[in-house]
C-alpha atoms as a PDB file:
ATOM      1  CA  MET A   1      71.479  24.108 -35.821  1.00  0.00           C
ATOM      2  CA  SER A   2      74.470  25.185 -34.176  1.00  0.00           C
ATOM      3  CA  GLU A   3      77.844  24.402 -35.133  1.00  0.00           C
ATOM      4  CA  SER A   4      78.314  21.516 -32.435  1.00  0.00           C
ATOM      5  CA  PRO A   5      76.215  17.992 -33.129  1.00  0.00           C
ATOM      6  CA  LEU A   6      77.019  17.181 -29.277  1.00  0.00           C
ATOM      7  CA  TYR A   7      75.018  20.739 -28.501  1.00  0.00           C
ATOM      8  CA  ASP A   8      72.472  20.012 -31.039  1.00  0.00           C
ATOM      9  CA  PHE A   9      72.256  16.446 -29.470  1.00  0.00           C
ATOM     10  CA  SER A  10      72.201  16.801 -26.077  1.00  0.00           C
ATOM     11  CA  ILE A  11      71.036  20.535 -24.900  1.00  0.00           C
ATOM     12  CA  PRO A  12      67.749  19.505 -26.007  1.00  0.00           C
ATOM     13  CA  ILE A  13      67.791  16.255 -24.186  1.00  0.00           C
ATOM     14  CA  PHE A  14      68.320  17.873 -20.904  1.00  0.00           C
ATOM     15  CA  ARG A  15      66.048  20.602 -21.440  1.00  0.00           C
ATOM     16  CA  ASN A  16      63.309  18.742 -22.313  1.00  0.00           C
ATOM     17  CA  GLY A  17      63.565  16.281 -19.458  1.00  0.00           C
ATOM     18  CA  LEU A  18      63.681  19.243 -17.061  1.00  0.00           C
ATOM     19  CA  LEU A  19      60.193  20.160 -18.755  1.00  0.00           C
ATOM     20  CA  THR A  20      59.306  16.736 -18.134  1.00  0.00           C
ATOM     21  CA  LEU A  21      60.126  16.852 -14.381  1.00  0.00           C
ATOM     22  CA  SER A  22      58.423  20.147 -14.013  1.00  0.00           C
ATOM     23  CA  ARG A  23      55.203  18.562 -15.914  1.00  0.00           C
ATOM     24  CA  ILE A  24      54.988  15.562 -13.531  1.00  0.00           C
ATOM     25  CA  LEU A  25      55.473  17.612 -10.645  1.00  0.00           C
ATOM     26  CA  LYS A  26      52.997  20.194 -11.165  1.00  0.00           C
ATOM     27  CA  LYS A  27      50.233  17.263 -11.764  1.00  0.00           C
ATOM     28  CA  ALA A  28      51.435  15.623  -8.354  1.00  0.00           C
ATOM     29  CA  GLU A  29      50.548  18.905  -6.814  1.00  0.00           C
ATOM     30  CA  ALA A  30      47.446  19.230  -8.567  1.00  0.00           C
ATOM     31  CA  PHE A  31      46.329  15.615  -8.076  1.00  0.00           C
ATOM     32  CA  ALA A  32      47.459  15.961  -4.080  1.00  0.00           C
ATOM     33  CA  LYS A  33      45.188  19.126  -3.867  1.00  0.00           C
ATOM     34  CA  ALA A  34      42.051  17.643  -5.762  1.00  0.00           C
ATOM     35  CA  ASN A  35      42.554  14.671  -3.073  1.00  0.00           C
ATOM     36  CA  ASN A  36      43.150  17.139   0.270  1.00  0.00           C
ATOM     37  CA  LEU A  37      46.225  15.788   0.515  1.00  0.00           C
ATOM     38  CA  ASP A  38      49.739  18.119   0.939  1.00  0.00           C
ATOM     39  CA  PRO A  39      52.119  16.793  -1.853  1.00  0.00           C
ATOM     40  CA  ASN A  40      54.661  18.132   0.343  1.00  0.00           C
ATOM     41  CA  ASP A  41      53.798  15.080   2.841  1.00  0.00           C
ATOM     42  CA  VAL A  42      53.141  12.861   0.678  1.00  0.00           C
ATOM     43  CA  TYR A  43      55.904  12.560  -2.481  1.00  0.00           C
ATOM     44  CA  PRO A  44      59.438  13.802  -1.352  1.00  0.00           C
ATOM     45  CA  GLN A  45      60.367  11.182   0.306  1.00  0.00           C
ATOM     46  CA  ALA A  46      58.047   8.307  -1.556  1.00  0.00           C
ATOM     47  CA  ARG A  47      60.037   5.672  -3.231  1.00  0.00           C
ATOM     48  CA  LEU A  48      59.101   3.021  -5.529  1.00  0.00           C
ATOM     49  CA  ILE A  49      60.599   0.364  -3.031  1.00  0.00           C
ATOM     50  CA  GLU A  50      62.141   0.576   0.120  1.00  0.00           C
ATOM     51  CA  ASP A  51      66.035   0.008  -0.979  1.00  0.00           C
ATOM     52  CA  GLN A  52      65.870   3.028  -3.712  1.00  0.00           C
ATOM     53  CA  LEU A  53      66.357   6.369  -2.761  1.00  0.00           C
ATOM     54  CA  PRO A  54      63.200   8.952  -2.858  1.00  0.00           C
ATOM     55  CA  LEU A  55      61.911  11.474  -5.576  1.00  0.00           C
ATOM     56  CA  VAL A  56      63.628  14.019  -3.894  1.00  0.00           C
ATOM     57  CA  PHE A  57      67.089  12.312  -4.703  1.00  0.00           C
ATOM     58  CA  GLN A  58      65.777  11.434  -8.268  1.00  0.00           C
ATOM     59  CA  ILE A  59      65.391  15.623  -9.022  1.00  0.00           C
ATOM     60  CA  GLN A  60      68.708  16.175  -7.107  1.00  0.00           C
ATOM     61  CA  ASN A  61      70.483  13.674  -9.307  1.00  0.00           C
ATOM     62  CA  ALA A  62      69.037  14.464 -12.634  1.00  0.00           C
ATOM     63  CA  THR A  63      69.735  18.268 -11.746  1.00  0.00           C
ATOM     64  CA  LYS A  64      73.006  17.117 -10.811  1.00  0.00           C
ATOM     65  CA  THR A  65      73.788  15.004 -13.595  1.00  0.00           C
ATOM     66  CA  ILE A  66      73.171  18.102 -16.022  1.00  0.00           C
ATOM     67  CA  ARG A  67      75.408  20.359 -13.775  1.00  0.00           C
ATOM     68  CA  VAL A  68      78.347  18.147 -14.142  1.00  0.00           C
ATOM     69  CA  ASN A  69      77.648  18.089 -18.160  1.00  0.00           C
ATOM     70  CA  VAL A  70      77.415  21.295 -18.428  1.00  0.00           C
ATOM     71  CA  ASP A  71      80.846  21.900 -16.825  1.00  0.00           C
ATOM     72  CA  ARG A  72      82.054  18.957 -19.026  1.00  0.00           C
ATOM     73  CA  LEU A  73      80.772  20.723 -22.447  1.00  0.00           C
ATOM     74  CA  MET A  74      82.033  24.063 -21.124  1.00  0.00           C
ATOM     75  CA  ARG A  75      85.043  23.563 -19.253  1.00  0.00           C
ATOM     76  CA  LEU A  76      83.708  24.559 -15.680  1.00  0.00           C
ATOM     77  CA  ASP A  77      83.845  23.844 -12.050  1.00  0.00           C
ATOM     78  CA  SER A  78      80.610  25.319 -10.888  1.00  0.00           C
ATOM     79  CA  ALA A  79      79.752  24.842  -7.391  1.00  0.00           C
ATOM     80  CA  PRO A  80      77.871  21.712  -6.475  1.00  0.00           C
ATOM     81  CA  PHE A  81      74.077  21.796  -5.556  1.00  0.00           C
ATOM     82  CA  GLU A  82      73.383  21.666  -1.943  1.00  0.00           C
ATOM     83  CA  ASP A  83      71.004  19.254  -1.777  1.00  0.00           C
ATOM     84  CA  THR A  84      68.730  20.781   0.725  1.00  0.00           C
ATOM     85  CA  GLU A  85      65.541  20.338  -1.147  1.00  0.00           C
ATOM     86  CA  LYS A  86      62.650  19.318   0.798  1.00  0.00           C
ATOM     87  CA  THR A  87      59.402  20.790  -0.831  1.00  0.00           C
ATOM     88  CA  PHE A  88      57.733  20.822  -3.690  1.00  0.00           C
ATOM     89  CA  GLN A  89      58.727  24.743  -4.145  1.00  0.00           C
ATOM     90  CA  ASP A  90      62.235  23.623  -3.436  1.00  0.00           C
ATOM     91  CA  LEU A  91      62.389  21.369  -6.204  1.00  0.00           C
ATOM     92  CA  HIS A  92      60.925  23.417  -8.752  1.00  0.00           C
ATOM     93  CA  ALA A  93      63.608  26.318  -7.889  1.00  0.00           C
ATOM     94  CA  ARG A  94      66.086  23.562  -8.355  1.00  0.00           C
ATOM     95  CA  ILE A  95      65.106  22.754 -11.487  1.00  0.00           C
ATOM     96  CA  GLU A  96      65.056  26.392 -13.163  1.00  0.00           C
ATOM     97  CA  VAL A  97      68.447  26.504 -11.411  1.00  0.00           C
ATOM     98  CA  ALA A  98      69.459  23.551 -13.935  1.00  0.00           C
ATOM     99  CA  ALA A  99      67.512  25.152 -16.424  1.00  0.00           C
ATOM    100  CA  LYS A 100      69.328  28.215 -16.413  1.00  0.00           C
ATOM    101  CA  LEU A 101      72.959  26.429 -16.442  1.00  0.00           C
ATOM    102  CA  LEU A 102      71.990  25.170 -19.926  1.00  0.00           C
ATOM    103  CA  GLU A 103      71.072  28.267 -20.777  1.00  0.00           C
ATOM    104  CA  GLU A 104      74.781  29.117 -20.524  1.00  0.00           C
ATOM    105  CA  VAL A 105      75.876  26.519 -22.782  1.00  0.00           C
ATOM    106  CA  ASP A 106      77.677  27.742 -25.609  1.00  0.00           C
ATOM    107  CA  PRO A 107      77.655  25.703 -29.154  1.00  0.00           C
ATOM    108  CA  LYS A 108      81.172  27.147 -29.973  1.00  0.00           C
ATOM    109  CA  VAL A 109      82.753  26.019 -26.961  1.00  0.00           C
ATOM    110  CA  VAL A 110      81.074  22.388 -26.666  1.00  0.00           C
ATOM    111  CA  LYS A 111      82.543  22.426 -30.336  1.00  0.00           C
ATOM    112  CA  GLY A 112      85.889  22.852 -28.976  1.00  0.00           C
ATOM    113  CA  ARG A 113      85.601  20.170 -26.375  1.00  0.00           C
ATOM    114  CA  GLU A 114      83.965  17.408 -27.686  1.00  0.00           C
ATOM    115  CA  ASP A 115      87.326  15.223 -28.160  1.00  0.00           C
ATOM    116  CA  ILE A 116      89.004  16.001 -25.006  1.00  0.00           C
ATOM    117  CA  ILE A 117      89.505  13.197 -22.545  1.00  0.00           C
ATOM    118  CA  VAL A 118      87.684  13.348 -19.177  1.00  0.00           C
ATOM    119  CA  ASP A 119      88.096  10.907 -16.364  1.00  0.00           C
ATOM    120  CA  LEU A 120      84.455   9.900 -14.835  1.00  0.00           C
ATOM    121  CA  LEU A 121      83.169   7.113 -12.414  1.00  0.00           C
ATOM    122  CA  ALA A 122      80.548   4.924 -14.189  1.00  0.00           C
ATOM    123  CA  GLY A 123      79.337   2.125 -11.667  1.00  0.00           C
ATOM    124  CA  GLY A 124      82.226   2.829  -9.405  1.00  0.00           C
ATOM    125  CA  CYS A 125      84.599   2.383 -11.726  1.00  0.00           C
ATOM    126  CA  PRO A 126      87.193   5.111 -13.106  1.00  0.00           C
ATOM    127  CA  ILE A 127      87.121   5.347 -16.859  1.00  0.00           C
ATOM    128  CA  LYS A 128      88.740   7.842 -19.307  1.00  0.00           C
ATOM    129  CA  LEU A 129      86.071   8.849 -22.182  1.00  0.00           C
ATOM    130  CA  SER A 130      85.607  11.898 -24.401  1.00  0.00           C
ATOM    131  CA  VAL A 131      83.622  14.550 -23.663  1.00  0.00           C
ATOM    132  CA  SER A 132      81.267  13.613 -26.482  1.00  0.00           C
ATOM    133  CA  GLN A 133      81.295   9.967 -25.253  1.00  0.00           C
ATOM    134  CA  ALA A 134      80.860  11.134 -21.295  1.00  0.00           C
ATOM    135  CA  VAL A 135      77.665  13.068 -22.300  1.00  0.00           C
ATOM    136  CA  GLN A 136      76.134  10.628 -24.690  1.00  0.00           C
ATOM    137  CA  LEU A 137      77.110   7.075 -23.227  1.00  0.00           C
ATOM    138  CA  HIS A 138      77.198   8.759 -19.335  1.00  0.00           C
ATOM    139  CA  GLY A 139      75.211  11.755 -19.019  1.00  0.00           C
ATOM    140  CA  ILE A 140      72.325  11.435 -21.081  1.00  0.00           C
ATOM    141  CA  PRO A 141      71.200   7.654 -19.482  1.00  0.00           C
ATOM    142  CA  ASN A 142      72.080   8.719 -16.360  1.00  0.00           C
ATOM    143  CA  PHE A 143      69.810  12.005 -15.997  1.00  0.00           C
ATOM    144  CA  LEU A 144      67.265   9.836 -17.838  1.00  0.00           C
ATOM    145  CA  PHE A 145      67.254   7.237 -15.675  1.00  0.00           C
ATOM    146  CA  HIS A 146      66.546   9.401 -12.821  1.00  0.00           C
ATOM    147  CA  ILE A 147      63.631  11.262 -14.443  1.00  0.00           C
ATOM    148  CA  THR A 148      61.955   8.109 -15.481  1.00  0.00           C
ATOM    149  CA  THR A 149      62.287   6.780 -11.679  1.00  0.00           C
ATOM    150  CA  ALA A 150      60.954  10.273 -10.678  1.00  0.00           C
ATOM    151  CA  TYR A 151      57.731   9.722 -12.644  1.00  0.00           C
ATOM    152  CA  SER A 152      57.541   6.063 -11.526  1.00  0.00           C
ATOM    153  CA  ILE A 153      57.924   6.802  -7.953  1.00  0.00           C
ATOM    154  CA  LEU A 154      54.646   9.309  -8.685  1.00  0.00           C
ATOM    155  CA  ARG A 155      52.954   7.048 -10.864  1.00  0.00           C
ATOM    156  CA  ALA A 156      53.267   4.452  -8.035  1.00  0.00           C
ATOM    157  CA  HIS A 157      51.951   6.712  -5.419  1.00  0.00           C
ATOM    158  CA  GLY A 158      48.817   7.058  -7.258  1.00  0.00           C
ATOM    159  CA  VAL A 159      49.189  10.111  -9.805  1.00  0.00           C
ATOM    160  CA  PRO A 160      47.463   9.857 -12.592  1.00  0.00           C
ATOM    161  CA  LEU A 161      50.665   9.947 -15.244  1.00  0.00           C
ATOM    162  CA  GLY A 162      50.302   8.373 -18.823  1.00  0.00           C
ATOM    163  CA  LYS A 163      53.226   8.188 -21.059  1.00  0.00           C
ATOM    164  CA  ALA A 164      52.397  11.388 -22.652  1.00  0.00           C
ATOM    165  CA  ASP A 165      53.131  13.336 -19.217  1.00  0.00           C
ATOM    166  CA  PHE A 166      56.643  11.746 -19.975  1.00  0.00           C
ATOM    167  CA  ILE A 167      57.268  12.248 -23.636  1.00  0.00           C
ATOM    168  CA  CYS A 168      55.253  15.505 -24.652  1.00  0.00           C
ATOM    169  CA  SER A 169      57.941  17.595 -23.320  1.00  0.00           C
ATOM    170  CA  PHE A 170      60.620  15.862 -25.947  1.00  0.00           C
ATOM    171  CA  VAL A 171      58.533  16.369 -28.933  1.00  0.00           C
ATOM    172  CA  GLY A 172      57.650  20.298 -28.119  1.00  0.00           C
ATOM    173  CA  LEU A 173      54.002  19.589 -26.852  1.00  0.00           C
END
């Protein structure tokens, strides 16, 4: 446990969620290989429904959410991701970059920023929240939405994923 309850609450969720993304991508690659498919042809642009954005977007947004929240927690203004990923290799590399961002979060800095007010857009509406509220009420739900959607896209496209593939990373398995 650190000195910052917000760090202790949020960073493990982000870290373990990235492990889940990695896990489900690897399972999709193995499934594609076993079925003589090229995962790069089948999955990156796959969608749940026509008007929803594809798998690659879901992973880009999950990792962007981490970057934005690390910036809030650490009072940084880091460069945005390029959003040029097209292959599984690209997606794995992006997840690794996001994981490295999480490693750089200092609990002492987070503790000093928890009550600072920040501006953000929620559903297109500008609002003011404390850093703590922004991470807990916007950042984490947004992150979980995108990793759940990535899971659902792969599942809907035949990848044999189950609840354990999603949850196990969160409980340390």
